[in-house]
PDB file of N, CA and C in Angstrom:
ATOM      1  N   MET A   1       0.582  -1.342   0.085  1.00  0.00           N
ATOM      2  CA  MET A   1       0.216  -0.161  -0.253  1.00  0.00           C
ATOM      3  C   MET A   1       0.527   1.138   0.127  1.00  0.00           C
ATOM      4  N   ILE A   2       0.638   2.077  -0.751  1.00  0.00           N
ATOM      5  CA  ILE A   2       1.378   3.361  -0.851  1.00  0.00           C
ATOM      6  C   ILE A   2       0.563   4.305  -0.009  1.00  0.00           C
ATOM      7  N   ARG A   3       1.331   4.953   1.029  1.00  0.00           N
ATOM      8  CA  ARG A   3       1.011   6.123   1.655  1.00  0.00           C
ATOM      9  C   ARG A   3       1.356   7.297   1.473  1.00  0.00           C
ATOM     10  N   VAL A   4       0.486   8.221   1.166  1.00  0.00           N
ATOM     11  CA  VAL A   4       0.920   9.730   0.693  1.00  0.00           C
ATOM     12  C   VAL A   4       0.360  10.783   1.729  1.00  0.00           C
ATOM     13  N   LEU A   5       1.255  11.936   2.088  1.00  0.00           N
ATOM     14  CA  LEU A   5       0.973  12.809   3.007  1.00  0.00           C
ATOM     15  C   LEU A   5       0.321  13.773   2.245  1.00  0.00           C
ATOM     16  N   PHE A   6      -0.628  14.670   2.267  1.00  0.00           N
ATOM     17  CA  PHE A   6      -1.377  15.851   1.650  1.00  0.00           C
ATOM     18  C   PHE A   6      -1.348  16.687   2.533  1.00  0.00           C
ATOM     19  N   VAL A   7      -0.768  18.041   2.097  1.00  0.00           N
ATOM     20  CA  VAL A   7      -0.735  19.549   2.868  1.00  0.00           C
ATOM     21  C   VAL A   7      -0.963  20.872   2.299  1.00  0.00           C
ATOM     22  N   ASP A   8      -2.125  21.265   2.922  1.00  0.00           N
ATOM     23  CA  ASP A   8      -3.047  22.299   2.617  1.00  0.00           C
ATOM     24  C   ASP A   8      -3.653  22.993   3.158  1.00  0.00           C
ATOM     25  N   ASP A   9      -3.273  24.398   3.503  1.00  0.00           N
ATOM     26  CA  ASP A   9      -4.115  25.136   4.506  1.00  0.00           C
ATOM     27  C   ASP A   9      -5.690  25.192   4.333  1.00  0.00           C
ATOM     28  N   ASP A  10      -6.024  24.761   3.228  1.00  0.00           N
ATOM     29  CA  ASP A  10      -7.563  25.042   2.255  1.00  0.00           C
ATOM     30  C   ASP A  10      -7.976  23.452   2.811  1.00  0.00           C
ATOM     31  N   LEU A  11      -9.344  23.668   3.833  1.00  0.00           N
ATOM     32  CA  LEU A  11      -9.640  22.548   3.992  1.00  0.00           C
ATOM     33  C   LEU A  11     -10.560  22.231   2.607  1.00  0.00           C
ATOM     34  N   ASN A  12     -10.905  22.951   2.022  1.00  0.00           N
ATOM     35  CA  ASN A  12     -11.908  22.768   0.953  1.00  0.00           C
ATOM     36  C   ASN A  12     -10.833  22.161   0.077  1.00  0.00           C
ATOM     37  N   ILE A  13      -9.741  22.343  -0.358  1.00  0.00           N
ATOM     38  CA  ILE A  13      -8.982  21.287  -1.146  1.00  0.00           C
ATOM     39  C   ILE A  13      -8.700  20.022  -0.885  1.00  0.00           C
ATOM     40  N   LEU A  14      -8.497  19.941   0.618  1.00  0.00           N
ATOM     41  CA  LEU A  14      -8.335  18.749   1.239  1.00  0.00           C
ATOM     42  C   LEU A  14      -9.167  17.953   1.140  1.00  0.00           C
ATOM     43  N   ASP A  15     -10.575  17.965   1.241  1.00  0.00           N
ATOM     44  CA  ASP A  15     -11.720  17.400   1.434  1.00  0.00           C
ATOM     45  C   ASP A  15     -11.715  17.148  -0.615  1.00  0.00           C
ATOM     46  N   GLY A  16     -11.596  17.947  -1.150  1.00  0.00           N
ATOM     47  CA  GLY A  16     -11.808  17.545  -2.729  1.00  0.00           C
ATOM     48  C   GLY A  16     -10.937  16.537  -3.164  1.00  0.00           C
ATOM     49  N   LEU A  17      -9.677  16.991  -2.373  1.00  0.00           N
ATOM     50  CA  LEU A  17      -8.455  15.672  -2.646  1.00  0.00           C
ATOM     51  C   LEU A  17      -9.060  14.185  -2.202  1.00  0.00           C
ATOM     52  N   ARG A  18      -9.612  14.297  -0.817  1.00  0.00           N
ATOM     53  CA  ARG A  18      -9.972  13.158  -0.414  1.00  0.00           C
ATOM     54  C   ARG A  18     -11.023  12.096  -1.042  1.00  0.00           C
ATOM     55  N   ARG A  19     -12.064  13.368  -1.359  1.00  0.00           N
ATOM     56  CA  ARG A  19     -13.139  12.404  -2.255  1.00  0.00           C
ATOM     57  C   ARG A  19     -12.586  12.136  -3.518  1.00  0.00           C
ATOM     58  N   THR A  20     -11.522  12.694  -4.553  1.00  0.00           N
ATOM     59  CA  THR A  20     -11.338  12.325  -5.941  1.00  0.00           C
ATOM     60  C   THR A  20     -10.620  10.902  -5.692  1.00  0.00           C
ATOM     61  N   LEU A  21      -9.542  10.709  -4.637  1.00  0.00           N
ATOM     62  CA  LEU A  21      -8.688   9.911  -4.218  1.00  0.00           C
ATOM     63  C   LEU A  21      -9.314   8.568  -3.925  1.00  0.00           C
ATOM     64  N   ARG A  22     -10.500   8.851  -3.144  1.00  0.00           N
ATOM     65  CA  ARG A  22     -11.512   7.632  -2.407  1.00  0.00           C
ATOM     66  C   ARG A  22     -11.236   6.460  -3.630  1.00  0.00           C
ATOM     67  N   PRO A  23     -11.303   6.300  -4.554  1.00  0.00           N
ATOM     68  CA  PRO A  23     -11.775   5.342  -5.832  1.00  0.00           C
ATOM     69  C   PRO A  23     -10.661   4.451  -5.547  1.00  0.00           C
ATOM     70  N   LEU A  24      -9.356   4.855  -5.235  1.00  0.00           N
ATOM     71  CA  LEU A  24      -7.902   4.664  -5.221  1.00  0.00           C
ATOM     72  C   LEU A  24      -7.667   3.695  -3.548  1.00  0.00           C
ATOM     73  N   ARG A  25      -8.683   3.845  -2.478  1.00  0.00           N
ATOM     74  CA  ARG A  25      -8.121   3.436  -1.256  1.00  0.00           C
ATOM     75  C   ARG A  25      -7.746   2.183  -1.165  1.00  0.00           C
ATOM     76  N   ALA A  26      -7.613   1.208  -2.472  1.00  0.00           N
ATOM     77  CA  ALA A  26      -7.187  -0.355  -1.993  1.00  0.00           C
ATOM     78  C   ALA A  26      -5.944  -0.265  -2.323  1.00  0.00           C
ATOM     79  N   GLU A  27      -5.275   0.635  -3.028  1.00  0.00           N
ATOM     80  CA  GLU A  27      -3.703   0.906  -3.631  1.00  0.00           C
ATOM     81  C   GLU A  27      -3.225   1.803  -2.989  1.00  0.00           C
ATOM     82  N   MET A  28      -3.654   3.233  -2.216  1.00  0.00           N
ATOM     83  CA  MET A  28      -3.277   4.200  -1.662  1.00  0.00           C
ATOM     84  C   MET A  28      -3.717   4.238  -0.518  1.00  0.00           C
ATOM     85  N   GLU A  29      -3.277   4.971   0.865  1.00  0.00           N
ATOM     86  CA  GLU A  29      -3.508   5.445   1.810  1.00  0.00           C
ATOM     87  C   GLU A  29      -3.439   6.792   2.172  1.00  0.00           C
ATOM     88  N   GLY A  30      -4.271   7.696   1.929  1.00  0.00           N
ATOM     89  CA  GLY A  30      -3.913   9.343   2.073  1.00  0.00           C
ATOM     90  C   GLY A  30      -4.366   9.764   3.371  1.00  0.00           C
ATOM     91  N   GLU A  31      -3.093  10.465   4.038  1.00  0.00           N
ATOM     92  CA  GLU A  31      -3.438  11.173   5.151  1.00  0.00           C
ATOM     93  C   GLU A  31      -3.300  12.638   4.488  1.00  0.00           C
ATOM     94  N   PHE A  32      -4.379  13.559   5.611  1.00  0.00           N
ATOM     95  CA  PHE A  32      -4.555  14.964   4.925  1.00  0.00           C
ATOM     96  C   PHE A  32      -4.383  15.655   6.337  1.00  0.00           C
ATOM     97  N   VAL A  33      -3.360  16.652   5.921  1.00  0.00           N
ATOM     98  CA  VAL A  33      -3.147  17.936   7.425  1.00  0.00           C
ATOM     99  C   VAL A  33      -3.124  18.944   6.650  1.00  0.00           C
ATOM    100  N   ASP A  34      -3.355  20.034   7.718  1.00  0.00           N
ATOM    101  CA  ASP A  34      -3.639  21.506   7.185  1.00  0.00           C
ATOM    102  C   ASP A  34      -2.566  22.517   7.423  1.00  0.00           C
ATOM    103  N   CYS A  35      -1.288  21.816   7.926  1.00  0.00           N
ATOM    104  CA  CYS A  35      -0.101  22.826   7.705  1.00  0.00           C
ATOM    105  C   CYS A  35       1.422  22.011   8.083  1.00  0.00           C
ATOM    106  N   GLY A  36       2.072  22.861   7.538  1.00  0.00           N
ATOM    107  CA  GLY A  36       3.562  22.138   7.747  1.00  0.00           C
ATOM    108  C   GLY A  36       3.882  21.447   9.267  1.00  0.00           C
ATOM    109  N   SER A  37       3.917  22.166  10.155  1.00  0.00           N
ATOM    110  CA  SER A  37       3.988  21.583  11.577  1.00  0.00           C
ATOM    111  C   SER A  37       3.507  19.950  11.630  1.00  0.00           C
ATOM    112  N   ARG A  38       2.116  20.045  11.312  1.00  0.00           N
ATOM    113  CA  ARG A  38       1.556  18.949  11.460  1.00  0.00           C
ATOM    114  C   ARG A  38       1.805  17.855  10.351  1.00  0.00           C
ATOM    115  N   ALA A  39       2.248  18.056   9.394  1.00  0.00           N
ATOM    116  CA  ALA A  39       2.893  17.288   8.529  1.00  0.00           C
ATOM    117  C   ALA A  39       4.361  16.749   9.342  1.00  0.00           C
ATOM    118  N   LEU A  40       5.150  17.367   9.316  1.00  0.00           N
ATOM    119  CA  LEU A  40       6.085  17.238  10.306  1.00  0.00           C
ATOM    120  C   LEU A  40       6.108  16.018  11.307  1.00  0.00           C
ATOM    121  N   ASP A  41       5.036  16.182  12.111  1.00  0.00           N
ATOM    122  CA  ASP A  41       4.366  15.629  13.348  1.00  0.00           C
ATOM    123  C   ASP A  41       4.275  14.062  12.504  1.00  0.00           C
ATOM    124  N   ALA A  42       3.613  14.185  11.617  1.00  0.00           N
ATOM    125  CA  ALA A  42       2.791  12.635  11.005  1.00  0.00           C
ATOM    126  C   ALA A  42       4.253  12.177  10.545  1.00  0.00           C
ATOM    127  N   LEU A  43       5.049  13.040   9.560  1.00  0.00           N
ATOM    128  CA  LEU A  43       6.271  12.139   9.111  1.00  0.00           C
ATOM    129  C   LEU A  43       7.127  11.386  10.025  1.00  0.00           C
ATOM    130  N   GLU A  44       6.916  12.024  11.352  1.00  0.00           N
ATOM    131  CA  GLU A  44       7.804  11.302  12.342  1.00  0.00           C
ATOM    132  C   GLU A  44       7.112  10.316  13.280  1.00  0.00           C
ATOM    133  N   SER A  45       6.041  10.220  12.950  1.00  0.00           N
ATOM    134  CA  SER A  45       5.086   8.869  13.447  1.00  0.00           C
ATOM    135  C   SER A  45       4.872   7.962  12.974  1.00  0.00           C
ATOM    136  N   ARG A  46       4.689   8.030  11.828  1.00  0.00           N
ATOM    137  CA  ARG A  46       4.815   6.904  10.797  1.00  0.00           C
ATOM    138  C   ARG A  46       5.121   7.055   9.432  1.00  0.00           C
ATOM    139  N   PRO A  47       5.517   6.121   8.809  1.00  0.00           N
ATOM    140  CA  PRO A  47       6.347   6.309   7.295  1.00  0.00           C
ATOM    141  C   PRO A  47       5.227   6.499   6.229  1.00  0.00           C
ATOM    142  N   PHE A  48       5.732   7.419   5.222  1.00  0.00           N
ATOM    143  CA  PHE A  48       4.937   7.648   4.252  1.00  0.00           C
ATOM    144  C   PHE A  48       5.798   7.270   2.447  1.00  0.00           C
ATOM    145  N   ASN A  49       5.223   7.104   1.739  1.00  0.00           N
ATOM    146  CA  ASN A  49       5.959   6.905   0.656  1.00  0.00           C
ATOM    147  C   ASN A  49       6.293   8.263  -0.367  1.00  0.00           C
ATOM    148  N   ALA A  50       5.271   9.432  -0.074  1.00  0.00           N
ATOM    149  CA  ALA A  50       5.597  10.978  -0.950  1.00  0.00           C
ATOM    150  C   ALA A  50       4.537  11.557   0.034  1.00  0.00           C
ATOM    151  N   ILE A  51       4.669  13.033  -0.097  1.00  0.00           N
ATOM    152  CA  ILE A  51       4.035  13.963   0.358  1.00  0.00           C
ATOM    153  C   ILE A  51       3.748  15.177  -0.913  1.00  0.00           C
ATOM    154  N   VAL A  52       2.683  15.380  -0.828  1.00  0.00           N
ATOM    155  CA  VAL A  52       2.404  16.216  -1.538  1.00  0.00           C
ATOM    156  C   VAL A  52       1.745  17.609  -0.930  1.00  0.00           C
ATOM    157  N   THR A  53       2.562  18.743  -1.152  1.00  0.00           N
ATOM    158  CA  THR A  53       2.087  19.907  -0.457  1.00  0.00           C
ATOM    159  C   THR A  53       1.705  21.360  -1.161  1.00  0.00           C
ATOM    160  N   ASP A  54       0.919  22.012  -0.824  1.00  0.00           N
ATOM    161  CA  ASP A  54       1.004  23.511  -1.720  1.00  0.00           C
ATOM    162  C   ASP A  54       1.933  24.566  -1.179  1.00  0.00           C
ATOM    163  N   MET A  55       2.273  25.383  -1.678  1.00  0.00           N
ATOM    164  CA  MET A  55       3.237  26.427  -1.621  1.00  0.00           C
ATOM    165  C   MET A  55       2.665  27.328  -0.777  1.00  0.00           C
ATOM    166  N   ARG A  56       1.846  28.328  -0.929  1.00  0.00           N
ATOM    167  CA  ARG A  56       1.242  29.313   0.208  1.00  0.00           C
ATOM    168  C   ARG A  56       0.528  28.822   1.164  1.00  0.00           C
ATOM    169  N   MET A  57       1.392  28.998   2.230  1.00  0.00           N
ATOM    170  CA  MET A  57       0.742  28.345   3.339  1.00  0.00           C
ATOM    171  C   MET A  57       1.098  29.234   4.594  1.00  0.00           C
ATOM    172  N   PRO A  58       0.459  29.787   5.606  1.00  0.00           N
ATOM    173  CA  PRO A  58       0.445  30.379   6.672  1.00  0.00           C
ATOM    174  C   PRO A  58       1.620  29.855   7.646  1.00  0.00           C
ATOM    175  N   GLY A  59       2.634  30.225   8.206  1.00  0.00           N
ATOM    176  CA  GLY A  59       3.490  29.965   8.938  1.00  0.00           C
ATOM    177  C   GLY A  59       4.276  29.393   8.076  1.00  0.00           C
ATOM    178  N   MET A  60       4.549  27.989   8.245  1.00  0.00           N
ATOM    179  CA  MET A  60       5.631  27.306   7.398  1.00  0.00           C
ATOM    180  C   MET A  60       5.160  27.205   5.946  1.00  0.00           C
ATOM    181  N   ASN A  61       5.894  27.794   4.750  1.00  0.00           N
ATOM    182  CA  ASN A  61       5.231  27.619   3.069  1.00  0.00           C
ATOM    183  C   ASN A  61       5.835  26.231   2.877  1.00  0.00           C
ATOM    184  N   GLY A  62       5.094  25.742   1.771  1.00  0.00           N
ATOM    185  CA  GLY A  62       5.524  24.831   1.033  1.00  0.00           C
ATOM    186  C   GLY A  62       7.634  24.505   0.812  1.00  0.00           C
ATOM    187  N   LEU A  63       7.713  25.371   0.613  1.00  0.00           N
ATOM    188  CA  LEU A  63       9.405  25.111   0.498  1.00  0.00           C
ATOM    189  C   LEU A  63       9.811  25.140   1.892  1.00  0.00           C
ATOM    190  N   SER A  64       9.589  25.794   2.443  1.00  0.00           N
ATOM    191  CA  SER A  64      10.272  25.532   3.958  1.00  0.00           C
ATOM    192  C   SER A  64      10.208  24.140   4.244  1.00  0.00           C
ATOM    193  N   LEU A  65       8.681  23.521   4.401  1.00  0.00           N
ATOM    194  CA  LEU A  65       8.454  21.935   4.767  1.00  0.00           C
ATOM    195  C   LEU A  65       9.051  21.328   3.893  1.00  0.00           C
ATOM    196  N   LEU A  66       9.233  21.447   2.231  1.00  0.00           N
ATOM    197  CA  LEU A  66       9.949  20.489   1.774  1.00  0.00           C
ATOM    198  C   LEU A  66      11.603  20.435   1.905  1.00  0.00           C
ATOM    199  N   LYS A  67      12.124  21.673   2.073  1.00  0.00           N
ATOM    200  CA  LYS A  67      13.585  21.531   2.857  1.00  0.00           C
ATOM    201  C   LYS A  67      13.779  20.557   4.166  1.00  0.00           C
ATOM    202  N   GLN A  68      12.938  20.479   4.938  1.00  0.00           N
ATOM    203  CA  GLN A  68      13.101  20.042   6.088  1.00  0.00           C
ATOM    204  C   GLN A  68      12.677  18.492   6.052  1.00  0.00           C
ATOM    205  N   VAL A  69      11.742  18.326   4.976  1.00  0.00           N
ATOM    206  CA  VAL A  69      11.276  16.843   4.602  1.00  0.00           C
ATOM    207  C   VAL A  69      12.590  16.296   4.072  1.00  0.00           C
ATOM    208  N   ALA A  70      13.185  17.035   3.001  1.00  0.00           N
ATOM    209  CA  ALA A  70      14.123  16.460   2.207  1.00  0.00           C
ATOM    210  C   ALA A  70      15.671  16.090   2.975  1.00  0.00           C
ATOM    211  N   ALA A  71      15.643  16.810   4.497  1.00  0.00           N
ATOM    212  CA  ALA A  71      16.748  17.050   5.088  1.00  0.00           C
ATOM    213  C   ALA A  71      16.453  15.643   6.248  1.00  0.00           C
ATOM    214  N   ARG A  72      15.125  15.383   6.392  1.00  0.00           N
ATOM    215  CA  ARG A  72      14.817  14.097   7.764  1.00  0.00           C
ATOM    216  C   ARG A  72      14.259  12.900   6.743  1.00  0.00           C
ATOM    217  N   HIS A  73      13.760  13.057   5.859  1.00  0.00           N
ATOM    218  CA  HIS A  73      13.320  12.148   5.211  1.00  0.00           C
ATOM    219  C   HIS A  73      13.628  11.927   3.513  1.00  0.00           C
ATOM    220  N   PRO A  74      15.438  11.959   3.225  1.00  0.00           N
ATOM    221  CA  PRO A  74      15.608  12.158   1.941  1.00  0.00           C
ATOM    222  C   PRO A  74      14.943  10.896   0.957  1.00  0.00           C
ATOM    223  N   HIS A  75      14.255  10.193   1.281  1.00  0.00           N
ATOM    224  CA  HIS A  75      13.724   8.770   0.667  1.00  0.00           C
ATOM    225  C   HIS A  75      12.404   8.980   0.263  1.00  0.00           C
ATOM    226  N   LEU A  76      11.786  10.166   0.595  1.00  0.00           N
ATOM    227  CA  LEU A  76      10.374  10.489   0.318  1.00  0.00           C
ATOM    228  C   LEU A  76      10.140  11.414  -0.693  1.00  0.00           C
ATOM    229  N   LEU A  77       9.449  11.002  -2.156  1.00  0.00           N
ATOM    230  CA  LEU A  77       9.116  11.767  -2.881  1.00  0.00           C
ATOM    231  C   LEU A  77       7.950  12.981  -2.520  1.00  0.00           C
ATOM    232  N   ARG A  78       8.857  14.179  -3.021  1.00  0.00           N
ATOM    233  CA  ARG A  78       8.505  15.432  -3.012  1.00  0.00           C
ATOM    234  C   ARG A  78       7.520  15.749  -3.913  1.00  0.00           C
ATOM    235  N   ILE A  79       6.481  16.262  -3.513  1.00  0.00           N
ATOM    236  CA  ILE A  79       5.157  16.728  -4.600  1.00  0.00           C
ATOM    237  C   ILE A  79       4.923  18.306  -4.267  1.00  0.00           C
ATOM    238  N   VAL A  80       4.875  18.945  -5.033  1.00  0.00           N
ATOM    239  CA  VAL A  80       4.287  20.333  -4.885  1.00  0.00           C
ATOM    240  C   VAL A  80       2.832  20.319  -6.049  1.00  0.00           C
ATOM    241  N   LEU A  81       1.687  20.776  -5.524  1.00  0.00           N
ATOM    242  CA  LEU A  81       0.830  21.018  -6.314  1.00  0.00           C
ATOM    243  C   LEU A  81       0.028  22.131  -5.631  1.00  0.00           C
ATOM    244  N   SER A  82       0.063  23.427  -6.441  1.00  0.00           N
ATOM    245  CA  SER A  82      -0.075  24.566  -5.935  1.00  0.00           C
ATOM    246  C   SER A  82      -1.162  25.290  -7.149  1.00  0.00           C
ATOM    247  N   GLY A  83      -2.278  25.935  -6.772  1.00  0.00           N
ATOM    248  CA  GLY A  83      -2.819  26.560  -7.472  1.00  0.00           C
ATOM    249  C   GLY A  83      -2.641  28.059  -7.623  1.00  0.00           C
ATOM    250  N   HIS A  84      -1.407  28.697  -6.948  1.00  0.00           N
ATOM    251  CA  HIS A  84      -1.364  29.835  -6.984  1.00  0.00           C
ATOM    252  C   HIS A  84       0.620  30.157  -7.151  1.00  0.00           C
ATOM    253  N   SER A  85       0.635  29.333  -7.943  1.00  0.00           N
ATOM    254  CA  SER A  85       2.164  29.390  -8.524  1.00  0.00           C
ATOM    255  C   SER A  85       2.769  30.645  -9.120  1.00  0.00           C
ATOM    256  N   GLU A  86       4.298  30.660  -8.657  1.00  0.00           N
ATOM    257  CA  GLU A  86       4.812  31.872  -9.219  1.00  0.00           C
ATOM    258  C   GLU A  86       5.998  31.164  -9.804  1.00  0.00           C
ATOM    259  N   LEU A  87       6.377  31.970 -11.163  1.00  0.00           N
ATOM    260  CA  LEU A  87       7.752  31.254 -11.713  1.00  0.00           C
ATOM    261  C   LEU A  87       9.048  31.040 -10.370  1.00  0.00           C
ATOM    262  N   GLU A  88       8.905  32.406  -9.758  1.00  0.00           N
ATOM    263  CA  GLU A  88       9.990  32.504  -8.883  1.00  0.00           C
ATOM    264  C   GLU A  88      10.008  31.000  -8.102  1.00  0.00           C
ATOM    265  N   ALA A  89       9.014  30.921  -7.059  1.00  0.00           N
ATOM    266  CA  ALA A  89       8.792  29.958  -6.638  1.00  0.00           C
ATOM    267  C   ALA A  89       9.032  28.493  -7.142  1.00  0.00           C
ATOM    268  N   GLU A  90       8.729  28.589  -8.495  1.00  0.00           N
ATOM    269  CA  GLU A  90       8.781  27.224  -8.931  1.00  0.00           C
ATOM    270  C   GLU A  90      10.229  26.810  -9.144  1.00  0.00           C
ATOM    271  N   VAL A  91      11.276  27.799  -9.417  1.00  0.00           N
ATOM    272  CA  VAL A  91      12.592  27.882  -9.525  1.00  0.00           C
ATOM    273  C   VAL A  91      13.053  27.263  -8.204  1.00  0.00           C
ATOM    274  N   ARG A  92      12.777  28.285  -7.097  1.00  0.00           N
ATOM    275  CA  ARG A  92      13.279  27.813  -5.912  1.00  0.00           C
ATOM    276  C   ARG A  92      12.951  26.468  -5.487  1.00  0.00           C
ATOM    277  N   SER A  93      11.905  26.146  -6.114  1.00  0.00           N
ATOM    278  CA  SER A  93      11.423  24.509  -5.579  1.00  0.00           C
ATOM    279  C   SER A  93      12.482  23.329  -5.918  1.00  0.00           C
ATOM    280  N   ALA A  94      12.779  23.681  -7.489  1.00  0.00           N
ATOM    281  CA  ALA A  94      13.022  22.731  -8.411  1.00  0.00           C
ATOM    282  C   ALA A  94      14.326  21.753  -7.930  1.00  0.00           C
ATOM    283  N   ARG A  95      15.038  22.446  -6.845  1.00  0.00           N
ATOM    284  CA  ARG A  95      15.959  21.414  -6.434  1.00  0.00           C
ATOM    285  C   ARG A  95      15.548  20.736  -5.122  1.00  0.00           C
ATOM    286  N   ILE A  96      14.250  20.730  -4.684  1.00  0.00           N
ATOM    287  CA  ILE A  96      13.883  20.337  -3.619  1.00  0.00           C
ATOM    288  C   ILE A  96      12.543  19.578  -3.806  1.00  0.00           C
ATOM    289  N   ALA A  97      12.001  19.619  -4.765  1.00  0.00           N
ATOM    290  CA  ALA A  97      10.472  18.903  -5.134  1.00  0.00           C
ATOM    291  C   ALA A  97      11.250  18.193  -6.403  1.00  0.00           C
ATOM    292  N   HIS A  98      10.582  16.879  -6.018  1.00  0.00           N
ATOM    293  CA  HIS A  98      10.456  16.190  -7.470  1.00  0.00           C
ATOM    294  C   HIS A  98       9.911  16.608  -8.650  1.00  0.00           C
ATOM    295  N   HIS A  99       8.750  16.851  -8.057  1.00  0.00           N
ATOM    296  CA  HIS A  99       7.407  17.423  -9.335  1.00  0.00           C
ATOM    297  C   HIS A  99       6.591  18.468  -8.649  1.00  0.00           C
ATOM    298  N   TYR A 100       6.480  19.439  -9.768  1.00  0.00           N
ATOM    299  CA  TYR A 100       5.721  20.889  -9.432  1.00  0.00           C
ATOM    300  C   TYR A 100       4.644  20.654 -10.091  1.00  0.00           C
ATOM    301  N   PHE A 101       3.276  20.843  -9.832  1.00  0.00           N
ATOM    302  CA  PHE A 101       2.209  20.966 -10.708  1.00  0.00           C
ATOM    303  C   PHE A 101       1.408  21.928  -9.941  1.00  0.00           C
ATOM    304  N   SER A 102       1.111  23.214 -11.241  1.00  0.00           N
ATOM    305  CA  SER A 102       0.450  24.303 -10.976  1.00  0.00           C
ATOM    306  C   SER A 102      -0.422  24.600 -12.047  1.00  0.00           C
ATOM    307  N   ASN A 103      -1.529  25.556 -11.925  1.00  0.00           N
ATOM    308  CA  ASN A 103      -2.541  25.925 -12.774  1.00  0.00           C
ATOM    309  C   ASN A 103      -2.088  27.209 -13.337  1.00  0.00           C
ATOM    310  N   ARG A 104      -0.502  27.578 -13.246  1.00  0.00           N
ATOM    311  CA  ARG A 104      -0.266  28.874 -14.172  1.00  0.00           C
ATOM    312  C   ARG A 104      -0.228  28.297 -15.496  1.00  0.00           C
ATOM    313  N   VAL A 105      -0.537  29.302 -16.090  1.00  0.00           N
ATOM    314  CA  VAL A 105      -0.423  29.122 -17.602  1.00  0.00           C
ATOM    315  C   VAL A 105       1.011  29.982 -18.336  1.00  0.00           C
ATOM    316  N   PRO A 106       2.000  29.505 -18.686  1.00  0.00           N
ATOM    317  CA  PRO A 106       3.038  30.078 -18.965  1.00  0.00           C
ATOM    318  C   PRO A 106       2.845  31.049 -19.861  1.00  0.00           C
ATOM    319  N   SER A 107       3.212  32.290 -20.012  1.00  0.00           N
ATOM    320  CA  SER A 107       2.841  33.300 -21.160  1.00  0.00           C
ATOM    321  C   SER A 107       3.612  32.828 -22.580  1.00  0.00           C
ATOM    322  N   ILE A 108       3.388  33.176 -23.575  1.00  0.00           N
ATOM    323  CA  ILE A 108       3.892  33.277 -24.857  1.00  0.00           C
ATOM    324  C   ILE A 108       4.305  34.706 -25.349  1.00  0.00           C
ATOM    325  N   ASN A 109       5.616  34.690 -25.836  1.00  0.00           N
ATOM    326  CA  ASN A 109       6.063  35.955 -26.279  1.00  0.00           C
ATOM    327  C   ASN A 109       6.457  35.908 -27.761  1.00  0.00           C
TER     328      ASN A 109
END
């Protein structure tokens, strides 16, 4: 069973992810937390295969969270799923996150 930790301060996003992933519950177990500190606590208390986090969160943002995760749990797959992405944030997280998904539409010049 694959265990994935989802982190987002927007509870509606977490609920949507939970509903969307429900059909996969035989193959994947998801845990959903609303801040970076709760994510770090969860990672210390049980094993996960991957973490999926938002970038913009109050307190500890996604980049800070992923830096700590990379240092403490280097084997963990690190994914960013952000609805409010900025190119600069994508560049900064490129060395920390394995994948970065956003709804940012690139400009064509």
